[in-house]
Protein backbone atom coordinates (compact mmCIF):
# COMPACT_ATOMS: atom_id res chain seq x y z
CA MET A 1 44.08 -11.27 11.04
CA ASP A 2 42.02 -8.17 10.96
CA SER A 3 38.34 -9.50 10.91
CA GLY A 4 37.32 -6.03 11.73
CA LYS A 5 37.91 -4.86 8.25
CA ARG A 6 36.51 -7.76 6.24
CA PHE A 7 33.73 -6.85 3.90
CA SER A 8 31.53 -9.56 2.65
CA PRO A 9 29.24 -8.87 -0.21
CA ALA A 10 25.74 -10.17 0.01
CA HIS A 11 25.16 -13.67 -1.30
CA PRO A 12 23.53 -13.60 -4.59
CA ARG A 13 19.99 -14.74 -5.39
CA SER A 14 18.77 -15.65 -8.72
CA SER A 15 15.08 -15.88 -8.26
CA SER A 16 13.52 -14.10 -11.26
CA LEU A 17 10.20 -14.00 -9.27
CA ARG A 18 11.59 -11.52 -6.66
CA ALA A 19 13.10 -9.41 -9.49
CA THR A 20 9.53 -8.91 -10.59
CA HIS A 21 8.37 -7.98 -7.01
CA ILE A 22 6.21 -11.28 -6.73
CA MET A 23 6.80 -12.44 -3.34
CA PHE A 24 5.71 -15.72 -1.71
CA TRP A 25 4.80 -15.75 2.10
CA TYR A 26 8.10 -17.31 3.07
CA GLN A 27 10.08 -14.65 1.27
CA ILE A 28 9.02 -12.08 4.00
CA PHE A 29 11.90 -13.71 6.00
CA SER A 30 14.41 -13.09 3.29
CA ASP A 31 16.53 -10.00 2.56
CA GLY A 32 14.98 -7.73 0.03
CA VAL A 33 16.66 -7.57 -3.30
CA GLU A 34 17.29 -3.80 -2.61
CA TYR A 35 18.98 -4.59 0.52
CA GLU A 36 21.21 -7.27 -1.18
CA ALA A 37 22.16 -4.64 -3.95
CA ARG A 38 23.56 -2.15 -1.48
CA ALA A 39 25.26 -4.81 0.69
CA GLY A 40 27.18 -5.85 -2.31
CA LYS A 41 28.35 -2.41 -3.37
CA PRO A 42 31.20 -0.42 -1.97
CA PHE A 43 29.99 2.93 -0.61
CA VAL A 44 30.68 6.23 -2.41
CA PRO A 45 29.33 9.30 -0.50
CA PRO A 46 26.75 11.18 -2.46
CA ASP A 47 27.48 14.63 -3.97
CA ILE A 48 23.83 15.56 -4.65
CA THR A 49 22.93 19.04 -3.56
CA ILE A 50 20.12 20.26 -1.57
CA LYS A 51 19.23 22.50 -4.52
CA GLN A 52 18.78 19.66 -6.81
CA VAL A 53 16.43 17.96 -4.55
CA TRP A 54 14.24 20.88 -3.66
CA GLU A 55 13.86 21.84 -7.40
CA ALA A 56 12.48 18.44 -8.13
CA VAL A 57 9.40 18.91 -5.99
CA PRO A 58 6.22 20.61 -7.39
CA LYS A 59 5.38 23.73 -5.40
CA HIS A 60 1.85 22.72 -4.81
CA LEU A 61 3.05 19.71 -2.64
CA PHE A 62 4.39 22.15 -0.01
CA LYS A 63 0.64 23.51 0.78
CA LYS A 64 -1.04 22.48 4.16
CA SER A 65 -4.75 22.22 4.67
CA THR A 66 -6.05 22.58 8.16
CA THR A 67 -9.19 21.16 6.93
CA LYS A 68 -7.80 18.11 5.44
CA SER A 69 -5.55 17.54 8.45
CA LEU A 70 -8.70 17.74 10.82
CA PHE A 71 -10.41 15.48 8.50
CA TYR A 72 -7.59 12.79 8.94
CA ILE A 73 -7.62 13.28 12.70
CA ALA A 74 -11.26 12.76 12.99
CA ARG A 75 -11.26 9.70 10.88
CA HIS A 76 -8.34 8.40 12.94
CA LEU A 77 -10.35 9.01 16.23
CA LEU A 78 -13.17 7.10 14.76
CA ILE A 79 -11.02 4.26 13.97
CA THR A 80 -9.60 4.32 17.43
CA TYR A 81 -12.97 4.35 18.98
CA LEU A 82 -14.49 1.46 16.78
CA PHE A 83 -11.42 -0.61 17.87
CA TYR A 84 -12.52 0.16 21.49
CA VAL A 85 -16.23 -0.86 20.71
CA PHE A 86 -14.80 -4.15 19.21
CA ALA A 87 -12.94 -4.80 22.41
CA GLN A 88 -16.10 -4.16 24.61
CA ASN A 89 -17.91 -6.86 22.62
CA ILE A 90 -15.19 -9.58 22.60
CA ASP A 91 -17.06 -11.56 25.31
CA GLN A 92 -20.20 -11.33 23.48
CA ILE A 93 -18.46 -12.49 20.39
CA VAL A 94 -16.89 -15.44 22.07
CA ALA A 95 -20.06 -16.45 23.96
CA SER A 96 -21.96 -16.50 20.49
CA ALA A 97 -19.36 -18.57 18.77
CA GLY A 98 -19.74 -22.29 18.84
CA GLY A 99 -17.19 -24.89 19.62
CA THR A 100 -15.73 -26.33 22.75
CA SER A 101 -14.40 -24.42 25.87
CA LEU A 102 -10.82 -24.76 24.67
CA ALA A 103 -11.77 -23.18 21.21
CA LYS A 104 -13.46 -20.30 22.91
CA GLN A 105 -10.62 -19.65 25.15
CA LEU A 106 -8.28 -19.62 22.07
CA LEU A 107 -10.77 -17.24 20.23
CA LYS A 108 -10.92 -14.87 23.01
CA ALA A 109 -7.11 -14.83 23.42
CA PHE A 110 -6.88 -14.24 19.62
CA CYS A 111 -9.48 -11.40 19.73
CA TRP A 112 -7.66 -9.45 22.69
CA THR A 113 -4.28 -10.06 21.18
CA GLY A 114 -5.69 -8.68 17.82
CA TYR A 115 -7.37 -5.51 19.47
CA TRP A 116 -4.05 -4.88 21.21
CA CYS A 117 -2.08 -5.05 18.03
CA PHE A 118 -4.26 -2.94 15.98
CA GLN A 119 -5.26 -0.54 18.72
CA GLY A 120 -1.49 -0.16 19.15
CA PHE A 121 -1.32 0.80 15.66
CA ALA A 122 -4.12 3.25 16.03
CA PHE A 123 -2.30 4.72 19.03
CA ALA A 124 0.96 4.95 17.16
CA GLY A 125 -1.00 6.63 14.49
CA LEU A 126 -2.08 9.29 16.97
CA TRP A 127 1.58 9.62 17.77
CA CYS A 128 2.50 10.07 13.99
CA ILE A 129 -0.06 12.84 13.57
CA GLY A 130 1.30 14.52 16.70
CA HIS A 131 4.70 14.15 15.20
CA ASP A 132 3.60 15.98 11.96
CA ALA A 133 2.17 18.72 14.19
CA GLY A 134 5.51 19.07 15.80
CA HIS A 135 7.08 19.83 12.40
CA GLY A 136 4.27 22.46 11.68
CA ALA A 137 3.13 20.15 8.83
CA LEU A 138 -0.66 20.11 9.59
CA SER A 139 -1.53 23.75 9.38
CA ASP A 140 -0.12 27.18 8.33
CA TYR A 141 -0.92 28.27 11.87
CA GLY A 142 1.57 27.37 14.68
CA ILE A 143 -1.07 27.44 17.38
CA VAL A 144 -3.22 24.91 15.52
CA ASN A 145 -0.17 22.53 15.19
CA ASP A 146 0.71 23.02 18.67
CA ILE A 147 -2.79 22.23 20.14
CA ILE A 148 -3.18 19.29 17.90
CA GLY A 149 0.27 17.99 18.99
CA LEU A 150 -0.08 18.56 22.71
CA VAL A 151 -3.41 16.86 22.81
CA LEU A 152 -2.60 13.84 20.62
CA HIS A 153 0.67 13.13 22.30
CA ALA A 154 -0.63 13.59 25.64
CA LEU A 155 -3.32 10.86 24.76
CA VAL A 156 -0.50 8.35 24.32
CA LEU A 157 1.70 9.93 27.22
CA THR A 158 4.32 11.44 25.18
CA PRO A 159 5.59 14.99 26.29
CA TYR A 160 4.87 16.85 23.07
CA HIS A 161 7.03 19.89 23.19
CA ALA A 162 9.99 18.10 24.84
CA TRP A 163 10.16 15.38 22.20
CA ARG A 164 9.57 18.07 19.48
CA PHE A 165 12.68 19.92 20.53
CA THR A 166 14.90 16.99 20.45
CA HIS A 167 13.47 15.46 17.37
CA ARG A 168 13.99 18.88 15.48
CA ALA A 169 17.79 18.19 16.51
CA HIS A 170 17.64 14.84 15.02
CA HIS A 171 16.53 16.40 11.84
CA LYS A 172 19.20 18.83 11.58
CA ALA A 173 22.11 16.37 12.36
CA THR A 174 20.87 13.10 11.15
CA GLN A 175 23.44 10.28 11.34
CA SER A 176 26.06 12.79 12.73
CA LEU A 177 28.09 10.94 15.25
CA GLU A 178 28.69 14.23 17.17
CA ARG A 179 25.15 15.80 16.93
CA ASP A 180 22.40 13.28 16.33
CA GLU A 181 19.87 12.48 19.22
CA THR A 182 18.58 8.92 19.07
CA PHE A 183 19.79 5.32 18.42
CA MET A 184 23.50 6.46 18.74
CA PRO A 185 25.65 3.35 18.07
CA PHE A 186 28.18 1.73 20.46
CA THR A 187 31.92 1.92 19.42
CA ARG A 188 34.77 -0.48 19.67
CA LYS A 189 35.92 1.28 22.99
CA ASP A 190 32.36 1.04 24.52
CA PHE A 191 32.71 -2.76 24.43
CA LYS A 192 36.60 -2.70 25.16
CA LEU A 193 37.36 -4.87 22.12
CA PRO A 194 40.82 -5.28 20.99
CA ASP A 195 42.33 -3.20 18.26
CA GLY A 196 40.82 -4.28 14.80
CA LYS A 197 44.26 -4.76 13.37
CA VAL A 198 44.95 -7.47 15.63
CA ALA A 199 41.68 -8.90 16.69
CA VAL A 200 40.29 -12.34 15.64
CA ARG A 201 36.87 -13.53 15.44
CA MET A 202 37.38 -15.39 18.78
CA ASP A 203 38.13 -12.09 20.51
CA TYR A 204 34.61 -10.65 19.38
CA THR A 205 32.88 -14.03 20.25
CA GLU A 206 34.09 -13.84 24.03
CA ILE A 207 32.88 -10.29 24.40
CA LEU A 208 29.98 -10.12 22.26
CA GLU A 209 28.40 -13.46 21.96
CA GLU A 210 24.98 -14.25 23.82
CA THR A 211 22.37 -16.63 23.83
CA PRO A 212 19.25 -16.30 21.39
CA ALA A 213 17.01 -16.23 24.47
CA PHE A 214 19.18 -13.43 25.82
CA THR A 215 18.97 -11.47 22.59
CA LEU A 216 15.22 -12.00 22.40
CA PHE A 217 14.90 -10.61 26.06
CA LYS A 218 16.88 -7.35 25.05
CA LEU A 219 14.97 -6.93 21.95
CA PHE A 220 11.48 -7.28 23.94
CA VAL A 221 12.83 -4.55 26.59
CA ARG A 222 14.05 -2.32 23.80
CA GLN A 223 10.69 -2.47 21.88
CA PHE A 224 8.15 -2.31 24.55
CA PHE A 225 9.94 0.09 26.81
CA GLY A 226 12.76 1.66 24.98
CA PHE A 227 10.98 4.87 24.01
CA GLN A 228 9.89 5.63 27.67
CA LEU A 229 13.43 5.06 28.78
CA TYR A 230 14.75 7.17 26.24
CA LEU A 231 12.37 10.16 27.41
CA LEU A 232 13.11 9.23 31.16
CA HIS A 233 16.89 9.08 31.18
CA ASN A 234 18.21 9.60 27.49
CA ARG A 235 18.52 5.78 26.83
CA LYS A 236 20.38 5.12 23.45
CA GLY A 237 20.47 9.13 23.07
CA ASN A 238 23.55 11.08 22.60
CA ARG A 239 26.20 10.51 25.09
CA ARG A 240 27.40 13.97 25.13
CA TYR A 241 24.65 14.74 27.65
CA PRO A 242 25.23 13.92 31.42
CA PRO A 243 23.83 10.51 32.75
CA TYR A 244 20.12 10.29 33.30
CA THR A 245 19.31 13.38 31.19
CA SER A 246 15.61 13.50 30.91
CA HIS A 247 12.94 15.08 28.79
CA TYR A 248 10.64 15.66 31.65
CA ARG A 249 13.10 17.99 33.44
CA PRO A 250 12.70 21.64 32.10
CA SER A 251 16.38 22.32 33.19
CA SER A 252 17.70 19.59 31.27
CA GLN A 253 20.53 20.18 28.83
CA LEU A 254 18.45 18.89 26.04
CA PHE A 255 16.71 22.23 26.06
CA LYS A 256 17.45 25.93 25.60
CA PRO A 257 16.31 28.14 28.48
CA SER A 258 13.79 29.73 26.36
CA GLU A 259 12.09 26.36 25.87
CA ARG A 260 11.56 25.53 29.49
CA PRO A 261 8.06 26.98 29.65
CA ALA A 262 7.05 24.67 26.75
CA ILE A 263 8.45 21.79 28.56
CA ILE A 264 6.32 22.73 31.57
CA LEU A 265 3.41 22.82 29.49
CA SER A 266 4.12 19.49 28.14
CA ASN A 267 4.36 18.12 31.44
CA ILE A 268 1.07 19.68 32.70
CA SER A 269 -0.55 17.98 29.66
CA LEU A 270 0.50 14.80 30.88
CA VAL A 271 -0.52 15.42 34.57
CA VAL A 272 -4.06 15.95 32.91
CA MET A 273 -3.85 12.67 31.19
CA TYR A 274 -2.76 10.81 34.06
CA SER A 275 -5.64 12.32 36.04
CA LEU A 276 -8.09 11.18 33.58
CA ILE A 277 -6.65 7.69 33.42
CA THR A 278 -6.76 7.46 37.26
CA LEU A 279 -10.58 8.52 37.20
CA TYR A 280 -10.93 5.81 34.66
CA ILE A 281 -9.30 3.20 37.00
CA LYS A 282 -11.25 4.51 39.88
CA HIS A 283 -14.50 3.96 38.00
CA TYR A 284 -13.74 0.63 36.07
CA GLY A 285 -10.70 -0.78 37.71
CA TRP A 286 -7.07 -1.60 36.78
CA GLY A 287 -8.38 -4.63 34.77
CA HIS A 288 -10.29 -2.50 32.40
CA ALA A 289 -7.56 0.04 31.98
CA MET A 290 -4.98 -2.54 31.34
CA ARG A 291 -7.02 -4.29 28.83
CA TYR A 292 -8.22 -1.37 27.06
CA TYR A 293 -5.52 1.29 27.31
CA PHE A 294 -2.33 0.00 28.71
CA MET A 295 -1.63 -3.10 26.62
CA PRO A 296 -2.43 -1.27 23.40
CA TRP A 297 -0.23 1.41 24.63
CA PHE A 298 2.73 -1.02 25.18
CA PHE A 299 2.12 -2.39 21.60
CA GLN A 300 2.25 1.09 20.42
CA HIS A 301 5.54 1.66 21.59
CA ASN A 302 6.58 -1.75 19.94
CA TRP A 303 5.34 -0.26 16.59
CA MET A 304 6.99 3.17 17.12
CA VAL A 305 10.50 1.63 18.14
CA MET A 306 10.39 -0.59 15.36
CA PHE A 307 9.70 1.86 12.52
CA THR A 308 11.99 4.66 14.06
CA TYR A 309 14.78 2.26 14.75
CA LEU A 310 14.55 0.81 11.01
CA GLN A 311 14.51 4.17 9.64
CA HIS A 312 18.38 4.61 10.25
CA SER A 313 19.80 1.62 11.81
CA ASP A 314 20.78 -0.87 9.08
CA PRO A 315 24.05 -2.64 8.10
CA THR A 316 24.02 -0.74 4.75
CA ILE A 317 23.45 2.76 6.00
CA PRO A 318 26.58 5.04 6.99
CA TYR A 319 27.10 7.30 9.99
CA TYR A 320 29.27 10.19 9.48
CA ARG A 321 31.79 12.39 11.66
CA LYS A 322 31.94 15.92 11.36
CA ASN A 323 34.63 16.17 8.55
CA GLU A 324 32.30 14.25 6.16
CA TRP A 325 28.71 14.98 7.51
CA THR A 326 26.34 17.32 5.49
CA PHE A 327 22.66 17.79 5.70
CA VAL A 328 22.18 15.98 2.45
CA ARG A 329 24.35 13.10 3.42
CA GLY A 330 22.20 12.82 6.71
CA ALA A 331 19.02 12.87 5.06
CA LEU A 332 19.95 10.32 2.64
CA ALA A 333 21.15 8.02 5.23
CA THR A 334 17.61 6.64 5.93
CA VAL A 335 15.48 3.63 4.57
CA ASP A 336 12.01 3.55 3.16
CA ARG A 337 10.12 0.43 4.01
CA PRO A 338 6.54 -0.65 3.42
CA VAL A 339 5.98 -1.47 7.03
CA PHE A 340 2.98 -3.65 7.20
CA GLY A 341 1.71 -2.58 3.76
CA TRP A 342 -1.84 -0.91 3.96
CA VAL A 343 -1.92 -0.84 7.51
CA GLY A 344 1.24 1.46 7.78
CA ARG A 345 -0.30 3.45 5.05
CA LEU A 346 -3.64 4.08 6.58
CA LEU A 347 -2.64 4.14 10.43
CA LEU A 348 1.01 5.35 10.39
CA TYR A 349 0.55 8.09 7.74
CA ASN A 350 3.67 7.39 5.61
CA ILE A 351 5.96 7.77 8.41
CA ALA A 352 7.91 4.45 7.29
CA SER A 353 7.22 4.48 3.57
CA ASP A 354 8.18 7.88 2.80
CA HIS A 355 10.82 8.84 5.52
CA LEU A 356 13.49 9.85 3.18
CA ALA A 357 11.39 12.45 1.61
CA HIS A 358 10.21 13.68 5.13
CA HIS A 359 13.88 14.23 6.12
CA PHE A 360 14.27 16.56 3.18
CA PHE A 361 10.84 18.35 3.44
CA SER A 362 9.75 17.86 7.19
CA THR A 363 7.05 20.55 6.81
CA ILE A 364 5.31 18.88 3.99
CA PRO A 365 1.99 17.23 4.92
CA PHE A 366 2.14 13.35 5.27
CA TYR A 367 -0.50 13.03 2.45
CA ASN A 368 1.76 14.57 0.04
CA LEU A 369 4.84 12.61 0.88
CA PRO A 370 4.30 9.86 -1.59
CA GLU A 371 4.14 12.30 -4.47
CA VAL A 372 7.19 13.91 -3.25
CA THR A 373 9.02 10.59 -3.08
CA LYS A 374 7.96 9.94 -6.71
CA ALA A 375 9.43 13.53 -7.58
CA ILE A 376 12.85 12.92 -5.91
CA LYS A 377 13.68 9.44 -6.75
CA PRO A 378 15.07 10.31 -10.32
CA VAL A 379 17.40 12.78 -8.76
CA LEU A 380 18.62 10.62 -5.88
CA GLY A 381 19.04 7.44 -8.24
CA GLU A 382 21.10 4.88 -6.27
CA TYR A 383 20.98 6.89 -3.21
CA TYR A 384 17.36 6.45 -2.74
CA ASN A 385 17.25 3.71 0.03
CA TYR A 386 14.27 1.25 -0.16
CA ASP A 387 13.97 -2.19 1.35
CA SER A 388 11.35 -4.72 0.80
CA THR A 389 12.63 -6.97 3.46
CA GLY A 390 9.71 -8.20 5.74
CA VAL A 391 9.61 -5.84 8.80
CA ILE A 392 10.15 -8.40 11.32
CA ALA A 393 13.11 -10.09 9.43
CA ALA A 394 14.69 -6.39 9.08
CA LEU A 395 14.14 -5.82 12.78
CA TRP A 396 16.01 -8.96 13.70
CA ARG A 397 18.62 -8.35 11.07
CA SER A 398 19.53 -4.85 12.34
CA PHE A 399 19.13 -5.92 16.03
CA THR A 400 21.66 -8.72 15.69
CA GLN A 401 23.89 -7.28 12.94
CA CYS A 402 24.06 -3.62 14.13
CA VAL A 403 26.42 -4.20 16.94
CA PHE A 404 29.16 -1.34 16.97
CA ILE A 405 31.15 1.07 14.80
CA GLU A 406 34.89 1.86 14.80
CA ASP A 407 36.26 4.67 17.06
CA GLU A 408 37.91 6.30 14.15
CA GLY A 409 36.91 7.10 10.58
CA ASP A 410 34.85 9.77 9.10
CA ILE A 411 32.21 7.38 7.13
CA LEU A 412 31.37 4.40 9.27
CA PHE A 413 29.21 1.34 8.86
CA TYR A 414 27.93 -1.08 11.54
CA LYS A 415 29.96 -4.30 12.29
CA ASN A 416 28.36 -7.57 13.76
CA ARG A 417 29.38 -9.72 16.69
CA GLY A 418 32.03 -11.12 14.51
CA GLY A 419 33.66 -7.72 13.78
CA GLU A 420 32.46 -7.60 10.23
CA ALA A 421 30.83 -5.25 8.26
CA ILE A 422 28.38 -5.98 5.43
CA THR A 423 29.52 -3.12 3.23
CA ASP A 424 32.18 -0.61 3.46
CA VAL A 425 33.49 2.52 2.00
CA ASP A 426 34.89 2.46 -1.59
CA GLU A 427 38.83 2.24 -1.60
CA LYS A 428 39.39 5.30 -3.64
CA VAL A 429 37.24 7.23 -1.27
CA LYS A 430 39.17 5.82 1.64
CA ALA A 431 42.32 6.93 0.02
CA LYS A 432 40.98 10.51 -0.37
CA LEU A 433 39.66 10.66 3.10
CA ASN A 434 43.19 9.51 4.25
CA GLY A 435 44.79 12.39 2.19
CA LYS A 436 46.42 9.96 -0.28
CA PRO A 437 46.32 11.01 -4.01
CA VAL A 438 43.98 8.75 -6.17
CA ASP A 439 44.89 8.99 -10.03
CA GLY A 440 46.19 12.60 -9.44
CA ALA A 441 42.82 13.83 -8.13
CA GLY A 442 42.65 15.85 -5.04
CA GLN A 443 40.15 15.81 -2.05
CA GLU A 444 36.35 16.23 -3.29
CA GLU A 445 34.81 19.58 -2.52
CA MET A 446 32.40 19.07 0.34
CA ILE A 447 28.71 19.70 0.00
CA VAL A 448 27.59 22.64 2.05
CA ASP A 449 23.85 22.82 2.98
């Protein structure tokens, strides 16, 4: 029984309310209708050209405004400061509130948790603006982009140039199993699973099954510490690099020799930030630093890992090996999501809601991306991937369903702990990939970017 090759279309839903985009609170835990449509349809790789996509975008959307970018930065810094002011007044807010001692303790816990969550969004927003600076999308002047990126990323303890270089490589090789940089999938061989032609569900269960509590623990570690572990020793990065490859080491194989001075500069910026934090701790104590800075910083990592992971890790999104990968196919292998609605728009600068457009046009400013998305959607058609699934539900779904891929094949989808994929490549496409004639047709011409 080849359970590794089973393909189960998504279960149908008949709710007319969801079809008209009216969603009740409980439906944030349900699969989005767009996800279900992809899950139930065999995959045919796109043959869209980069020329078609570029011609659809009005030229004025490529223009950058240093003044406008600085305005957004100033506004964001003000929002971040106002969150900090709120936190400084939590004790006063609680003291002035009525109710029992228990009610006040609950209010205090609610206020601090709210501060950590929203200041975490604000910190993630600083990182997002620095990310755009790394793409040269904030100003026509490279030095302006680099100063902004260096400062904003240092504020949230991210090595600007080191991350910029590897992120650039990610954009050049998105979803390429040989060359992409982040969230690289495990394979059947990594888990020492039996051959998919003879494996049964019990084989997968014995090796991959784990308790829900352990799954939650792994998710917690990945969400709150995963990004720093990636920077520190390339956790979940491309395994073509030696073990413990670090973004902090200038001689790392992640970087070209000519990039080493920039890596040193990034490290210096972090030393300056660590020094400022040390002075703050010396003056106010560890308790203040933990409450006002480090707890929001941990939540920032949670939000960052959440939206970056969900951009490309999804049961309906393919990976490609070199014979089938093209820039266009890689750029289309991402998902736009309305991450936390207006909060994501206001504080995360369209990084999740218009990520597909960003992969085609990484130098377009974030404030123009919604218009870019509108312009290219008619060209992309069914290959525009959107998912209205609630972000928490989507995170749990991807974390539990995106377990491994096969060691062989040119177009691959994640399989779950039962060795099953929710979607698969169309049978005619498979025949072509295997060199078999289909209705007399030959191999399709590859897209060349």
